[in-house]
Amino acid sequence: MSNKKKRSTITNCTSLGGGPGFDHVSFCIAAQFLYDIRPHRNALLSKRVKTEVYDLYNHDWKPVMESLGECFDDEKNLTVDLRLDLANEAHEQLRSSLSSVGIICVQYVLHENATSFIVNDENQIIGVMRDLFIMAPVGTVMIITDSSNKLFGSLKDAANENGWTYLCAEEQLMEEGKRRAYLRPKSFLVLERIK
């Protein structure tokens, strides 16, 4: 298989706030499950998931990171401060990875850093999150989980302004007095860039 063809079958994932690498494990488990139920879709093999995990690392995570590194060779742990603008020199690797990203996972970093992502009384999204909405390619899926949904409305607005759509909205609608699915508003946002 040529390098070009091999690269095209890799799912590139970017994890913001992914700690010692648990997002990579989750991506691989999900890919393996999808492959197990649909084996003709061999592009879903977990060996084809490449993840870059960006976080402010804690020294206590080192043993976990080393153990995960023994099991998974397609994971990079990179230090990043999401409070800085994406144009900041410290984010060079994150910026360059966006050209080929397929999934962006933002885990429990927004609420605690809200003042770095939102500005003025209109609650407009700024900084790294705005830049991600602008720079990620069409087809990228963004999964956002957080302990508070305070920024979710502003995130949906910023995403919509930049060609993203909010997935799972209809699953949360009431139907005949009952929810079709219990997807709590504090749980997550799933966005996809469509244009």
N, C-alpha and C. Protein backbone atom coordinates (compact mmCIF):
# COMPACT_ATOMS: atom_id res chain seq x y z
N MET A 1 0.85 -1.17 0.00
CA MET A 1 0.00 0.00 0.00
C MET A 1 0.89 1.23 0.00
N SER A 2 0.59 2.17 -0.87
CA SER A 2 1.41 3.38 -0.94
C SER A 2 1.20 4.23 0.31
N ASN A 3 2.19 5.07 0.61
CA ASN A 3 2.08 5.95 1.78
C ASN A 3 0.88 6.86 1.67
N LYS A 4 0.61 7.36 0.44
CA LYS A 4 -0.52 8.27 0.25
C LYS A 4 -1.84 7.56 0.55
N LYS A 5 -1.99 6.33 0.04
CA LYS A 5 -3.21 5.58 0.29
C LYS A 5 -3.33 5.22 1.77
N LYS A 6 -2.23 4.83 2.39
CA LYS A 6 -2.24 4.48 3.80
C LYS A 6 -2.66 5.67 4.65
N ARG A 7 -2.14 6.86 4.34
CA ARG A 7 -2.51 8.06 5.10
C ARG A 7 -3.99 8.38 4.96
N SER A 8 -4.56 8.11 3.78
CA SER A 8 -5.96 8.45 3.57
C SER A 8 -6.89 7.54 4.36
N THR A 9 -6.41 6.38 4.83
CA THR A 9 -7.26 5.49 5.61
C THR A 9 -7.07 5.68 7.11
N ILE A 10 -6.27 6.64 7.49
CA ILE A 10 -6.06 6.93 8.91
C ILE A 10 -7.04 8.01 9.35
N THR A 11 -7.67 7.80 10.50
CA THR A 11 -8.52 8.82 11.09
C THR A 11 -7.66 9.63 12.05
N ASN A 12 -7.45 10.90 11.73
CA ASN A 12 -6.65 11.78 12.58
C ASN A 12 -7.57 12.44 13.60
N CYS A 13 -7.23 12.27 14.86
CA CYS A 13 -8.03 12.81 15.96
C CYS A 13 -7.20 13.81 16.74
N THR A 14 -7.84 14.88 17.14
CA THR A 14 -7.22 15.88 18.00
C THR A 14 -8.02 15.93 19.29
N SER A 15 -7.35 15.74 20.40
CA SER A 15 -8.00 15.75 21.69
C SER A 15 -7.49 16.93 22.50
N LEU A 16 -8.40 17.82 22.87
CA LEU A 16 -8.05 18.98 23.69
C LEU A 16 -8.54 18.72 25.12
N GLY A 17 -7.62 18.67 26.03
CA GLY A 17 -7.98 18.37 27.42
C GLY A 17 -8.14 16.88 27.63
N GLY A 18 -7.45 16.07 26.84
CA GLY A 18 -7.61 14.62 26.89
C GLY A 18 -6.79 13.92 27.94
N GLY A 19 -6.22 14.69 28.87
CA GLY A 19 -5.47 14.07 29.96
C GLY A 19 -4.33 13.21 29.46
N PRO A 20 -4.10 12.08 30.12
CA PRO A 20 -2.96 11.24 29.76
C PRO A 20 -3.16 10.42 28.50
N GLY A 21 -4.33 10.50 27.86
CA GLY A 21 -4.52 9.79 26.60
C GLY A 21 -5.76 8.92 26.56
N PHE A 22 -6.68 9.12 27.48
CA PHE A 22 -7.87 8.29 27.51
C PHE A 22 -8.75 8.48 26.27
N ASP A 23 -8.72 9.66 25.66
CA ASP A 23 -9.50 9.87 24.44
C ASP A 23 -9.02 8.93 23.33
N HIS A 24 -7.71 8.75 23.23
CA HIS A 24 -7.17 7.86 22.21
C HIS A 24 -7.69 6.43 22.42
N VAL A 25 -7.68 5.99 23.66
CA VAL A 25 -8.20 4.65 23.98
C VAL A 25 -9.67 4.56 23.56
N SER A 26 -10.44 5.61 23.87
CA SER A 26 -11.87 5.62 23.51
C SER A 26 -12.06 5.57 22.00
N PHE A 27 -11.28 6.35 21.25
CA PHE A 27 -11.38 6.33 19.79
C PHE A 27 -11.08 4.92 19.26
N CYS A 28 -10.05 4.30 19.79
CA CYS A 28 -9.67 2.96 19.32
C CYS A 28 -10.73 1.92 19.66
N ILE A 29 -11.29 1.99 20.86
CA ILE A 29 -12.36 1.05 21.24
C ILE A 29 -13.58 1.24 20.34
N ALA A 30 -13.96 2.50 20.09
CA ALA A 30 -15.11 2.77 19.23
C ALA A 30 -14.84 2.25 17.81
N ALA A 31 -13.65 2.49 17.29
CA ALA A 31 -13.31 2.03 15.94
C ALA A 31 -13.34 0.50 15.87
N GLN A 32 -12.80 -0.16 16.90
CA GLN A 32 -12.81 -1.63 16.91
C GLN A 32 -14.24 -2.16 16.98
N PHE A 33 -15.08 -1.54 17.81
CA PHE A 33 -16.49 -1.95 17.91
C PHE A 33 -17.18 -1.80 16.55
N LEU A 34 -16.99 -0.64 15.90
CA LEU A 34 -17.62 -0.42 14.60
C LEU A 34 -17.11 -1.42 13.57
N TYR A 35 -15.83 -1.73 13.62
CA TYR A 35 -15.28 -2.73 12.71
C TYR A 35 -15.87 -4.11 13.00
N ASP A 36 -16.02 -4.46 14.29
CA ASP A 36 -16.57 -5.76 14.66
C ASP A 36 -18.00 -5.94 14.14
N ILE A 37 -18.77 -4.86 14.14
CA ILE A 37 -20.16 -5.00 13.68
C ILE A 37 -20.29 -4.78 12.17
N ARG A 38 -19.27 -4.19 11.54
CA ARG A 38 -19.29 -3.97 10.09
C ARG A 38 -17.90 -4.24 9.53
N PRO A 39 -17.47 -5.51 9.52
CA PRO A 39 -16.08 -5.83 9.13
C PRO A 39 -15.70 -5.43 7.71
N HIS A 40 -16.67 -5.27 6.82
CA HIS A 40 -16.33 -4.85 5.46
C HIS A 40 -15.84 -3.40 5.43
N ARG A 41 -16.02 -2.67 6.53
CA ARG A 41 -15.54 -1.29 6.61
C ARG A 41 -14.17 -1.28 7.29
N ASN A 42 -13.17 -1.88 6.64
CA ASN A 42 -11.86 -2.05 7.27
C ASN A 42 -11.16 -0.73 7.58
N ALA A 43 -11.64 0.39 7.05
CA ALA A 43 -11.03 1.68 7.38
C ALA A 43 -11.27 2.05 8.83
N LEU A 44 -12.17 1.30 9.50
CA LEU A 44 -12.47 1.61 10.90
C LEU A 44 -11.56 0.89 11.88
N LEU A 45 -10.62 0.12 11.40
CA LEU A 45 -9.74 -0.60 12.31
C LEU A 45 -9.06 0.35 13.27
N SER A 46 -8.99 -0.04 14.53
CA SER A 46 -8.41 0.84 15.56
C SER A 46 -6.94 1.14 15.29
N LYS A 47 -6.26 0.29 14.52
CA LYS A 47 -4.86 0.53 14.20
C LYS A 47 -4.70 1.74 13.28
N ARG A 48 -5.81 2.23 12.76
CA ARG A 48 -5.76 3.35 11.83
C ARG A 48 -6.22 4.65 12.47
N VAL A 49 -6.25 4.69 13.79
CA VAL A 49 -6.60 5.90 14.53
C VAL A 49 -5.31 6.53 15.03
N LYS A 50 -5.08 7.77 14.67
CA LYS A 50 -3.90 8.52 15.12
C LYS A 50 -4.41 9.71 15.93
N THR A 51 -3.96 9.83 17.16
CA THR A 51 -4.47 10.87 18.04
C THR A 51 -3.34 11.75 18.56
N GLU A 52 -3.58 13.06 18.52
CA GLU A 52 -2.70 14.01 19.19
C GLU A 52 -3.48 14.57 20.36
N VAL A 53 -2.94 14.37 21.56
CA VAL A 53 -3.60 14.80 22.79
C VAL A 53 -2.91 16.07 23.29
N TYR A 54 -3.68 17.13 23.42
CA TYR A 54 -3.15 18.41 23.88
C TYR A 54 -3.73 18.72 25.26
N ASP A 55 -2.86 19.00 26.21
CA ASP A 55 -3.31 19.31 27.56
C ASP A 55 -2.15 19.97 28.31
N LEU A 56 -2.47 20.53 29.47
CA LEU A 56 -1.44 20.97 30.41
C LEU A 56 -1.16 19.75 31.29
N TYR A 57 -0.07 19.08 31.07
CA TYR A 57 0.16 17.79 31.69
C TYR A 57 0.57 17.88 33.15
N ASN A 58 0.10 16.91 33.90
CA ASN A 58 0.40 16.76 35.31
C ASN A 58 1.44 15.65 35.43
N HIS A 59 2.44 15.85 36.27
CA HIS A 59 3.50 14.84 36.42
C HIS A 59 2.95 13.51 36.94
N ASP A 60 1.84 13.55 37.67
CA ASP A 60 1.24 12.32 38.18
C ASP A 60 0.71 11.43 37.07
N TRP A 61 0.53 11.99 35.88
CA TRP A 61 0.00 11.21 34.75
C TRP A 61 1.07 10.37 34.08
N LYS A 62 2.34 10.63 34.39
CA LYS A 62 3.44 9.99 33.66
C LYS A 62 3.33 8.46 33.61
N PRO A 63 3.06 7.75 34.73
CA PRO A 63 2.95 6.28 34.65
C PRO A 63 1.82 5.83 33.71
N VAL A 64 0.70 6.55 33.74
CA VAL A 64 -0.42 6.19 32.85
C VAL A 64 -0.02 6.43 31.41
N MET A 65 0.63 7.56 31.14
CA MET A 65 1.05 7.87 29.78
C MET A 65 2.05 6.83 29.27
N GLU A 66 2.96 6.39 30.12
CA GLU A 66 3.94 5.38 29.72
C GLU A 66 3.25 4.06 29.42
N SER A 67 2.27 3.67 30.25
CA SER A 67 1.53 2.42 30.01
C SER A 67 0.74 2.49 28.72
N LEU A 68 0.07 3.60 28.50
CA LEU A 68 -0.68 3.76 27.25
C LEU A 68 0.26 3.75 26.05
N GLY A 69 1.44 4.35 26.22
CA GLY A 69 2.42 4.38 25.14
C GLY A 69 2.91 3.00 24.74
N GLU A 70 2.94 2.07 25.71
CA GLU A 70 3.33 0.68 25.41
C GLU A 70 2.26 -0.03 24.59
N CYS A 71 1.01 0.38 24.77
CA CYS A 71 -0.11 -0.28 24.08
C CYS A 71 -0.45 0.38 22.75
N PHE A 72 -0.26 1.67 22.68
CA PHE A 72 -0.67 2.42 21.50
C PHE A 72 0.49 3.24 20.98
N ASP A 73 0.86 3.00 19.73
CA ASP A 73 1.97 3.77 19.19
C ASP A 73 1.52 4.93 18.33
N ASP A 74 0.22 5.10 18.15
CA ASP A 74 -0.28 6.21 17.33
C ASP A 74 -0.90 7.31 18.17
N GLU A 75 -0.26 7.58 19.29
CA GLU A 75 -0.73 8.65 20.16
C GLU A 75 0.46 9.55 20.49
N LYS A 76 0.24 10.86 20.39
CA LYS A 76 1.26 11.84 20.79
C LYS A 76 0.64 12.68 21.89
N ASN A 77 1.39 12.90 22.94
CA ASN A 77 0.96 13.78 24.01
C ASN A 77 1.73 15.08 23.89
N LEU A 78 1.02 16.18 23.68
CA LEU A 78 1.64 17.47 23.46
C LEU A 78 1.08 18.49 24.45
N THR A 79 1.96 19.35 24.92
CA THR A 79 1.54 20.37 25.88
C THR A 79 1.00 21.58 25.13
N VAL A 80 -0.14 22.07 25.59
CA VAL A 80 -0.75 23.24 24.98
C VAL A 80 -1.53 23.99 26.06
N ASP A 81 -1.59 25.28 25.92
CA ASP A 81 -2.38 26.11 26.83
C ASP A 81 -3.51 26.71 26.01
N LEU A 82 -4.70 26.17 26.17
CA LEU A 82 -5.84 26.59 25.35
C LEU A 82 -6.29 28.01 25.65
N ARG A 83 -5.72 28.61 26.68
CA ARG A 83 -6.06 30.01 26.97
C ARG A 83 -5.35 30.95 26.02
N LEU A 84 -4.34 30.45 25.31
CA LEU A 84 -3.61 31.25 24.33
C LEU A 84 -4.32 31.19 22.99
N ASP A 85 -4.16 32.23 22.19
CA ASP A 85 -4.74 32.26 20.85
C ASP A 85 -4.09 31.19 19.98
N LEU A 86 -4.80 30.68 19.00
CA LEU A 86 -4.25 29.65 18.12
C LEU A 86 -3.08 30.19 17.30
N ALA A 87 -3.04 31.49 17.08
CA ALA A 87 -1.92 32.10 16.35
C ALA A 87 -0.62 32.09 17.17
N ASN A 88 -0.72 31.83 18.47
CA ASN A 88 0.45 31.81 19.33
C ASN A 88 1.43 30.74 18.87
N GLU A 89 2.71 31.08 18.94
CA GLU A 89 3.79 30.17 18.52
C GLU A 89 3.70 28.81 19.19
N ALA A 90 3.21 28.76 20.42
CA ALA A 90 3.11 27.51 21.17
C ALA A 90 2.12 26.53 20.53
N HIS A 91 1.25 27.02 19.66
CA HIS A 91 0.24 26.17 19.03
C HIS A 91 0.56 25.75 17.60
N GLU A 92 1.83 25.85 17.22
CA GLU A 92 2.21 25.52 15.85
C GLU A 92 1.80 24.10 15.46
N GLN A 93 2.03 23.11 16.32
CA GLN A 93 1.68 21.72 16.01
C GLN A 93 0.16 21.56 15.90
N LEU A 94 -0.58 22.19 16.80
CA LEU A 94 -2.05 22.12 16.75
C LEU A 94 -2.57 22.73 15.45
N ARG A 95 -2.04 23.88 15.08
CA ARG A 95 -2.46 24.53 13.82
C ARG A 95 -2.20 23.62 12.62
N SER A 96 -1.01 23.04 12.56
CA SER A 96 -0.67 22.22 11.40
C SER A 96 -1.48 20.92 11.36
N SER A 97 -1.88 20.41 12.52
CA SER A 97 -2.65 19.16 12.54
C SER A 97 -4.08 19.36 12.05
N LEU A 98 -4.57 20.59 12.08
CA LEU A 98 -5.95 20.84 11.69
C LEU A 98 -6.23 20.57 10.22
N SER A 99 -5.23 20.63 9.38
CA SER A 99 -5.47 20.42 7.95
C SER A 99 -5.93 19.00 7.63
N SER A 100 -5.62 18.04 8.50
CA SER A 100 -5.99 16.65 8.21
C SER A 100 -6.84 16.02 9.32
N VAL A 101 -7.37 16.82 10.22
CA VAL A 101 -8.13 16.27 11.34
C VAL A 101 -9.49 15.75 10.88
N GLY A 102 -9.94 14.66 11.49
CA GLY A 102 -11.26 14.12 11.21
C GLY A 102 -12.19 14.26 12.41
N ILE A 103 -11.61 14.16 13.61
CA ILE A 103 -12.38 14.28 14.85
C ILE A 103 -11.63 15.18 15.81
N ILE A 104 -12.35 16.15 16.38
CA ILE A 104 -11.80 16.99 17.45
C ILE A 104 -12.63 16.70 18.68
N CYS A 105 -11.97 16.36 19.75
CA CYS A 105 -12.65 16.07 21.01
C CYS A 105 -12.20 17.11 22.04
N VAL A 106 -13.15 17.82 22.63
CA VAL A 106 -12.84 18.86 23.61
C VAL A 106 -13.44 18.40 24.94
N GLN A 107 -12.58 18.04 25.89
CA GLN A 107 -13.01 17.40 27.12
C GLN A 107 -12.80 18.26 28.36
N TYR A 108 -13.87 18.73 28.92
CA TYR A 108 -13.86 19.37 30.24
C TYR A 108 -12.79 20.45 30.41
N VAL A 109 -12.63 21.29 29.40
CA VAL A 109 -11.67 22.39 29.51
C VAL A 109 -12.33 23.75 29.29
N LEU A 110 -13.56 23.77 28.82
CA LEU A 110 -14.19 25.04 28.47
C LEU A 110 -14.70 25.80 29.69
N HIS A 111 -15.43 25.13 30.54
CA HIS A 111 -16.03 25.80 31.70
C HIS A 111 -14.96 26.45 32.58
N GLU A 112 -13.89 25.72 32.84
CA GLU A 112 -12.84 26.25 33.72
C GLU A 112 -12.03 27.36 33.08
N ASN A 113 -12.09 27.47 31.75
CA ASN A 113 -11.34 28.51 31.04
C ASN A 113 -12.27 29.45 30.28
N ALA A 114 -13.50 29.57 30.72
CA ALA A 114 -14.53 30.32 29.99
C ALA A 114 -14.10 31.74 29.66
N THR A 115 -13.40 32.40 30.54
CA THR A 115 -13.00 33.79 30.28
C THR A 115 -12.01 33.90 29.12
N SER A 116 -11.38 32.80 28.75
CA SER A 116 -10.46 32.81 27.61
C SER A 116 -11.16 32.52 26.29
N PHE A 117 -12.41 32.06 26.35
CA PHE A 117 -13.12 31.66 25.14
C PHE A 117 -14.32 32.54 24.80
N ILE A 118 -14.66 33.46 25.67
CA ILE A 118 -15.88 34.23 25.45
C ILE A 118 -15.59 35.70 25.74
N VAL A 119 -16.23 36.58 24.99
CA VAL A 119 -15.98 38.01 25.16
C VAL A 119 -17.29 38.77 25.08
N ASN A 120 -17.37 39.85 25.73
CA ASN A 120 -18.44 40.85 25.76
C ASN A 120 -19.81 40.30 26.18
N ASP A 121 -20.77 41.19 26.24
CA ASP A 121 -22.11 40.84 26.71
C ASP A 121 -22.85 39.94 25.72
N GLU A 122 -22.41 39.90 24.48
CA GLU A 122 -23.08 39.07 23.48
C GLU A 122 -22.59 37.62 23.52
N ASN A 123 -21.67 37.32 24.41
CA ASN A 123 -21.15 35.96 24.58
C ASN A 123 -20.58 35.37 23.29
N GLN A 124 -19.81 36.16 22.56
CA GLN A 124 -19.18 35.67 21.34
C GLN A 124 -17.96 34.83 21.68
N ILE A 125 -17.79 33.73 20.95
CA ILE A 125 -16.65 32.85 21.15
C ILE A 125 -15.42 33.47 20.49
N ILE A 126 -14.31 33.44 21.20
CA ILE A 126 -13.04 33.99 20.71
C ILE A 126 -11.94 32.94 20.91
N GLY A 127 -10.75 33.31 20.52
CA GLY A 127 -9.56 32.51 20.81
C GLY A 127 -9.53 31.17 20.09
N VAL A 128 -8.98 30.18 20.77
CA VAL A 128 -8.74 28.86 20.17
C VAL A 128 -10.02 28.24 19.64
N MET A 129 -11.10 28.31 20.38
CA MET A 129 -12.34 27.67 19.93
C MET A 129 -12.85 28.31 18.64
N ARG A 130 -12.84 29.63 18.56
CA ARG A 130 -13.27 30.29 17.32
C ARG A 130 -12.36 29.86 16.16
N ASP A 131 -11.06 29.83 16.41
CA ASP A 131 -10.10 29.45 15.37
C ASP A 131 -10.31 28.00 14.91
N LEU A 132 -10.66 27.11 15.83
CA LEU A 132 -10.93 25.73 15.44
C LEU A 132 -12.13 25.66 14.50
N PHE A 133 -13.17 26.44 14.80
CA PHE A 133 -14.35 26.47 13.94
C PHE A 133 -14.00 26.99 12.54
N ILE A 134 -13.09 27.93 12.48
CA ILE A 134 -12.70 28.53 11.20
C ILE A 134 -11.77 27.62 10.41
N MET A 135 -10.81 26.97 11.07
CA MET A 135 -9.72 26.29 10.38
C MET A 135 -9.95 24.80 10.10
N ALA A 136 -10.80 24.13 10.84
CA ALA A 136 -10.99 22.69 10.63
C ALA A 136 -11.63 22.44 9.26
N PRO A 137 -11.22 21.38 8.57
CA PRO A 137 -11.76 21.12 7.23
C PRO A 137 -13.20 20.62 7.26
N VAL A 138 -13.87 20.76 6.12
CA VAL A 138 -15.22 20.23 5.95
C VAL A 138 -15.19 18.73 6.23
N GLY A 139 -16.19 18.24 6.93
CA GLY A 139 -16.27 16.83 7.28
C GLY A 139 -15.77 16.53 8.69
N THR A 140 -15.11 17.49 9.33
CA THR A 140 -14.62 17.29 10.69
C THR A 140 -15.81 17.20 11.64
N VAL A 141 -15.71 16.29 12.59
CA VAL A 141 -16.70 16.16 13.66
C VAL A 141 -16.04 16.65 14.94
N MET A 142 -16.77 17.47 15.71
CA MET A 142 -16.27 17.96 16.98
C MET A 142 -17.20 17.47 18.09
N ILE A 143 -16.62 16.82 19.08
CA ILE A 143 -17.37 16.33 20.24
C ILE A 143 -16.91 17.15 21.44
N ILE A 144 -17.86 17.81 22.08
CA ILE A 144 -17.54 18.66 23.23
C ILE A 144 -18.29 18.14 24.44
N THR A 145 -17.56 17.85 25.50
CA THR A 145 -18.18 17.49 26.77
C THR A 145 -17.65 18.44 27.83
N ASP A 146 -18.49 18.78 28.77
CA ASP A 146 -18.07 19.70 29.81
C ASP A 146 -18.96 19.54 31.04
N SER A 147 -18.53 20.09 32.14
CA SER A 147 -19.29 19.99 33.38
C SER A 147 -20.41 21.02 33.46
N SER A 148 -20.43 21.94 32.52
CA SER A 148 -21.48 22.97 32.47
C SER A 148 -21.82 23.23 31.01
N ASN A 149 -23.08 23.54 30.76
CA ASN A 149 -23.49 23.86 29.40
C ASN A 149 -23.56 25.37 29.17
N LYS A 150 -22.96 26.14 30.05
CA LYS A 150 -23.03 27.60 29.99
C LYS A 150 -22.56 28.16 28.64
N LEU A 151 -21.55 27.58 28.04
CA LEU A 151 -21.02 28.08 26.77
C LEU A 151 -21.66 27.42 25.55
N PHE A 152 -22.49 26.42 25.74
CA PHE A 152 -22.99 25.64 24.61
C PHE A 152 -23.77 26.49 23.60
N GLY A 153 -24.60 27.40 24.05
CA GLY A 153 -25.34 28.26 23.13
C GLY A 153 -24.41 29.10 22.28
N SER A 154 -23.41 29.70 22.91
CA SER A 154 -22.44 30.52 22.17
C SER A 154 -21.59 29.66 21.24
N LEU A 155 -21.24 28.46 21.67
CA LEU A 155 -20.47 27.56 20.81
C LEU A 155 -21.29 27.16 19.58
N LYS A 156 -22.56 26.85 19.76
CA LYS A 156 -23.42 26.50 18.62
C LYS A 156 -23.53 27.67 17.65
N ASP A 157 -23.68 28.89 18.19
CA ASP A 157 -23.77 30.08 17.33
C ASP A 157 -22.49 30.27 16.51
N ALA A 158 -21.34 30.17 17.19
CA ALA A 158 -20.05 30.35 16.50
C ALA A 158 -19.84 29.25 15.46
N ALA A 159 -20.22 28.04 15.81
CA ALA A 159 -20.09 26.93 14.87
C ALA A 159 -20.96 27.17 13.65
N ASN A 160 -22.20 27.55 13.87
CA ASN A 160 -23.14 27.79 12.78
C ASN A 160 -22.64 28.90 11.83
N GLU A 161 -22.06 29.94 12.40
CA GLU A 161 -21.53 31.05 11.59
C GLU A 161 -20.38 30.61 10.69
N ASN A 162 -19.73 29.50 11.04
CA ASN A 162 -18.56 29.04 10.30
C ASN A 162 -18.79 27.73 9.55
N GLY A 163 -20.05 27.39 9.27
CA GLY A 163 -20.35 26.24 8.43
C GLY A 163 -20.48 24.91 9.14
N TRP A 164 -20.74 24.93 10.43
CA TRP A 164 -20.93 23.70 11.20
C TRP A 164 -22.42 23.50 11.48
N THR A 165 -22.81 22.26 11.69
CA THR A 165 -24.17 21.95 12.09
C THR A 165 -24.14 21.20 13.41
N TYR A 166 -25.17 21.39 14.17
CA TYR A 166 -25.31 20.77 15.48
C TYR A 166 -26.02 19.44 15.31
N LEU A 167 -25.37 18.35 15.66
CA LEU A 167 -25.96 17.03 15.54
C LEU A 167 -26.65 16.65 16.84
N CYS A 168 -27.59 15.77 16.77
CA CYS A 168 -28.32 15.21 17.92
C CYS A 168 -29.42 16.11 18.43
N ALA A 169 -29.69 17.23 17.77
CA ALA A 169 -30.74 18.13 18.25
C ALA A 169 -32.09 17.44 18.24
N GLU A 170 -32.41 16.73 17.15
CA GLU A 170 -33.74 16.12 17.09
C GLU A 170 -33.90 14.97 18.08
N GLU A 171 -32.80 14.31 18.46
CA GLU A 171 -32.90 13.24 19.45
C GLU A 171 -33.30 13.77 20.82
N GLN A 172 -33.03 15.05 21.06
CA GLN A 172 -33.36 15.62 22.36
C GLN A 172 -34.76 16.24 22.40
N LEU A 173 -35.45 16.26 21.27
CA LEU A 173 -36.79 16.85 21.22
C LEU A 173 -37.81 15.95 21.90
N MET A 174 -38.81 16.60 22.43
CA MET A 174 -39.90 15.85 23.04
C MET A 174 -40.79 15.29 21.93
N GLU A 175 -41.23 14.07 22.11
CA GLU A 175 -42.14 13.45 21.16
C GLU A 175 -43.26 12.79 21.97
N GLU A 176 -44.48 13.27 21.79
CA GLU A 176 -45.62 12.77 22.53
C GLU A 176 -45.36 12.78 24.03
N GLY A 177 -44.81 13.89 24.51
CA GLY A 177 -44.58 14.04 25.95
C GLY A 177 -43.37 13.32 26.50
N LYS A 178 -42.63 12.60 25.66
CA LYS A 178 -41.44 11.88 26.11
C LYS A 178 -40.25 12.25 25.24
N ARG A 179 -39.09 12.20 25.83
CA ARG A 179 -37.87 12.38 25.04
C ARG A 179 -37.58 11.09 24.29
N ARG A 180 -37.09 11.22 23.06
CA ARG A 180 -36.68 10.04 22.31
C ARG A 180 -35.40 9.47 22.87
N ALA A 181 -34.56 10.33 23.40
CA ALA A 181 -33.31 9.88 24.01
C ALA A 181 -32.95 10.88 25.10
N TYR A 182 -32.38 10.39 26.15
CA TYR A 182 -31.99 11.27 27.25
C TYR A 182 -30.55 11.72 27.06
N LEU A 183 -30.39 12.74 26.27
CA LEU A 183 -29.10 13.33 26.02
C LEU A 183 -29.10 14.66 26.75
N ARG A 184 -28.65 14.64 27.97
CA ARG A 184 -28.77 15.81 28.82
C ARG A 184 -27.99 16.98 28.25
N PRO A 185 -28.52 18.18 28.38
CA PRO A 185 -27.85 19.35 27.78
C PRO A 185 -26.47 19.60 28.35
N LYS A 186 -26.21 19.17 29.58
CA LYS A 186 -24.87 19.37 30.13
C LYS A 186 -23.90 18.31 29.63
N SER A 187 -24.40 17.29 29.01
CA SER A 187 -23.56 16.16 28.63
C SER A 187 -22.59 16.49 27.51
N PHE A 188 -23.11 16.91 26.36
CA PHE A 188 -22.23 17.05 25.21
C PHE A 188 -22.85 17.87 24.11
N LEU A 189 -22.00 18.28 23.19
CA LEU A 189 -22.38 18.83 21.89
C LEU A 189 -21.66 18.01 20.85
N VAL A 190 -22.33 17.71 19.76
CA VAL A 190 -21.68 17.07 18.63
C VAL A 190 -21.92 17.98 17.43
N LEU A 191 -20.84 18.42 16.83
CA LEU A 191 -20.91 19.35 15.70
C LEU A 191 -20.20 18.74 14.50
N GLU A 192 -20.66 19.08 13.30
CA GLU A 192 -19.98 18.63 12.09
C GLU A 192 -19.85 19.80 11.13
N ARG A 193 -18.66 19.95 10.58
CA ARG A 193 -18.46 21.03 9.59
C ARG A 193 -18.97 20.57 8.24
N ILE A 194 -19.96 21.28 7.71
CA ILE A 194 -20.58 20.87 6.45
C ILE A 194 -20.24 21.80 5.29
N LYS A 195 -19.70 22.99 5.58
CA LYS A 195 -19.29 23.89 4.48
C LYS A 195 -18.18 24.80 4.93
